[in-house]
């Protein structure tokens, strides 16, 4: 059994090499390199990082997809030039003063510029009030 395991590994590596050898360069590129246009990998973690519940999506904006509220999120990001901190807060939002921490993160590309965003909010209401539809990952 121990002699066949290395042979199987070599066989798998050769198969993968043969499959990718004929593929165009874009197909061999890392997933983030193959994307073009405006896109963000979004993540929301409720609670602390060690025991929290994390949800994530890939938001594509050319055309809007991959997110329950992709059209609205892409519009808000477009108006803010891809800068999540520049999204205007929702007017009239009234959030409870309950501490239920949530962390939001985004990385990707917008208009050819790298986006790297992380921020903690006191609860999901404050997250939504300050970032609009971008981190609204509910369906």
Protein backbone atom coordinates (compact mmCIF):
# COMPACT_ATOMS: atom_id res chain seq x y z
CA UNK A 1 0.00 0.00 0.00
CA UNK A 2 2.79 2.44 0.81
CA UNK A 3 4.40 1.93 -2.62
CA UNK A 4 1.18 2.62 -4.52
CA UNK A 5 0.40 5.87 -2.67
CA UNK A 6 3.37 7.80 -4.17
CA UNK A 7 2.51 6.40 -7.60
CA UNK A 8 -1.06 7.66 -7.26
CA UNK A 9 0.20 11.11 -6.22
CA UNK A 10 2.52 11.27 -9.23
CA UNK A 11 -0.31 10.16 -11.50
CA UNK A 12 -2.59 12.89 -10.17
CA UNK A 13 0.09 15.56 -10.56
CA UNK A 14 0.81 14.49 -14.16
CA UNK A 15 -2.93 14.54 -14.94
CA UNK A 16 -3.33 18.05 -13.57
CA UNK A 17 -0.26 19.24 -15.46
CA UNK A 18 -1.59 17.81 -18.72
CA UNK A 19 -5.03 19.33 -18.20
CA UNK A 20 -3.67 22.81 -17.52
CA UNK A 21 -0.93 22.73 -20.15
CA UNK A 22 -3.38 23.29 -22.98
CA UNK A 23 -5.52 25.76 -21.10
CA UNK A 24 -5.36 29.45 -21.98
CA UNK A 25 -3.35 31.65 -19.53
CA UNK A 26 -6.50 33.12 -17.96
CA UNK A 27 -7.73 29.65 -17.04
CA UNK A 28 -4.44 28.88 -15.28
CA UNK A 29 -4.36 32.17 -13.38
CA UNK A 30 -5.31 32.37 -9.74
CA UNK A 31 -9.04 33.02 -9.27
CA UNK A 32 -8.61 36.68 -8.25
CA UNK A 33 -6.34 37.34 -11.23
CA UNK A 34 -8.89 35.97 -13.69
CA UNK A 35 -11.57 38.46 -12.61
CA UNK A 36 -11.88 41.72 -14.43
CA UNK A 37 -14.01 44.75 -13.82
CA UNK A 38 -15.39 45.74 -10.44
CA UNK A 39 -15.61 42.93 -7.88
CA UNK A 40 -15.40 42.48 -4.14
CA UNK A 41 -15.14 39.41 -1.92
CA UNK A 42 -17.37 40.34 1.03
CA UNK A 43 -17.47 38.75 4.48
CA UNK A 44 -19.57 39.39 7.58
CA UNK A 45 -18.75 37.73 10.91
CA UNK A 46 -21.20 37.90 13.80
CA UNK A 47 -19.65 37.63 17.25
CA UNK A 48 -15.93 37.33 17.75
CA UNK A 49 -13.56 35.82 15.21
CA UNK A 50 -12.95 32.65 17.24
CA UNK A 51 -16.55 31.56 17.66
CA UNK A 52 -18.41 33.77 15.23
CA UNK A 53 -20.67 32.90 12.35
CA UNK A 54 -19.15 34.04 9.04
CA UNK A 55 -21.00 34.54 5.75
CA UNK A 56 -19.41 35.60 2.53
CA UNK A 57 -20.14 36.26 -1.13
CA UNK A 58 -18.38 37.40 -4.27
CA UNK A 59 -20.00 40.59 -5.55
CA UNK A 60 -19.50 41.15 -9.27
CA UNK A 61 -20.64 44.45 -10.76
CA UNK A 62 -20.09 44.00 -14.51
CA UNK A 63 -23.00 42.93 -14.63
CA UNK A 64 -24.26 42.90 -11.00
CA UNK A 65 -24.43 39.35 -9.63
CA UNK A 66 -23.40 37.03 -6.81
CA UNK A 67 -25.11 39.02 -4.05
CA UNK A 68 -28.77 39.12 -2.99
CA UNK A 69 -28.80 42.92 -3.47
CA UNK A 70 -26.13 43.17 -6.17
CA UNK A 71 -27.74 45.96 -8.20
CA UNK A 72 -28.18 48.26 -5.19
CA UNK A 73 -24.75 47.40 -3.73
CA UNK A 74 -23.04 48.08 -7.07
CA UNK A 75 -24.91 51.39 -7.45
CA UNK A 76 -23.83 52.51 -3.97
CA UNK A 77 -20.24 51.44 -4.56
CA UNK A 78 -20.22 53.17 -7.95
CA UNK A 79 -21.43 56.43 -6.42
CA UNK A 80 -18.71 56.13 -3.76
CA UNK A 81 -15.96 55.29 -6.24
CA UNK A 82 -15.57 51.84 -4.70
CA UNK A 83 -14.68 53.34 -1.30
CA UNK A 84 -16.99 51.74 1.29
CA UNK A 85 -16.15 54.50 3.80
CA UNK A 86 -17.62 57.06 1.35
CA UNK A 87 -21.07 55.40 1.19
CA UNK A 88 -23.40 57.91 2.82
CA UNK A 89 -25.09 56.72 6.02
CA UNK A 90 -28.76 55.84 5.74
CA UNK A 91 -30.77 58.88 6.81
CA UNK A 92 -33.20 58.36 9.64
CA UNK A 93 -31.78 54.98 10.65
CA UNK A 94 -32.51 54.27 14.31
CA UNK A 95 -30.50 51.38 15.69
CA UNK A 96 -30.86 49.78 19.12
CA UNK A 97 -28.05 50.29 21.59
CA UNK A 98 -27.47 46.55 21.90
CA UNK A 99 -23.92 45.32 21.68
CA UNK A 100 -23.85 42.37 19.29
CA UNK A 101 -20.54 42.88 17.44
CA UNK A 102 -20.19 42.22 13.76
CA UNK A 103 -17.10 42.50 11.58
CA UNK A 104 -17.25 43.37 7.90
CA UNK A 105 -14.46 42.78 5.41
CA UNK A 106 -14.03 43.34 1.70
CA UNK A 107 -11.20 42.91 -0.71
CA UNK A 108 -11.10 43.10 -4.46
CA UNK A 109 -10.80 45.64 -7.23
CA UNK A 110 -12.75 48.73 -8.19
CA UNK A 111 -11.93 50.82 -11.28
CA UNK A 112 -8.46 49.26 -11.39
CA UNK A 113 -7.70 50.05 -7.73
CA UNK A 114 -7.29 47.53 -4.96
CA UNK A 115 -9.97 47.54 -2.26
CA UNK A 116 -9.10 46.28 1.22
CA UNK A 117 -11.65 47.08 3.92
CA UNK A 118 -12.21 45.78 7.46
CA UNK A 119 -14.32 47.35 10.16
CA UNK A 120 -16.16 46.28 13.33
CA UNK A 121 -19.63 47.55 14.11
CA UNK A 122 -21.59 47.38 17.35
CA UNK A 123 -24.45 45.45 15.66
CA UNK A 124 -25.91 44.57 12.26
CA UNK A 125 -28.25 47.57 12.26
CA UNK A 126 -25.30 49.96 12.52
CA UNK A 127 -23.48 47.95 9.82
CA UNK A 128 -26.41 48.39 7.44
CA UNK A 129 -26.92 52.05 8.33
CA UNK A 130 -23.28 52.87 7.57
CA UNK A 131 -22.56 50.62 4.57
CA UNK A 132 -25.90 50.45 2.76
CA UNK A 133 -26.62 47.30 0.78
CA UNK A 134 -22.97 46.26 0.38
CA UNK A 135 -22.87 43.95 3.43
CA UNK A 136 -26.58 43.04 3.40
CA UNK A 137 -26.01 39.37 2.66
CA UNK A 138 -29.56 38.33 3.53
CA UNK A 139 -31.61 36.85 0.73
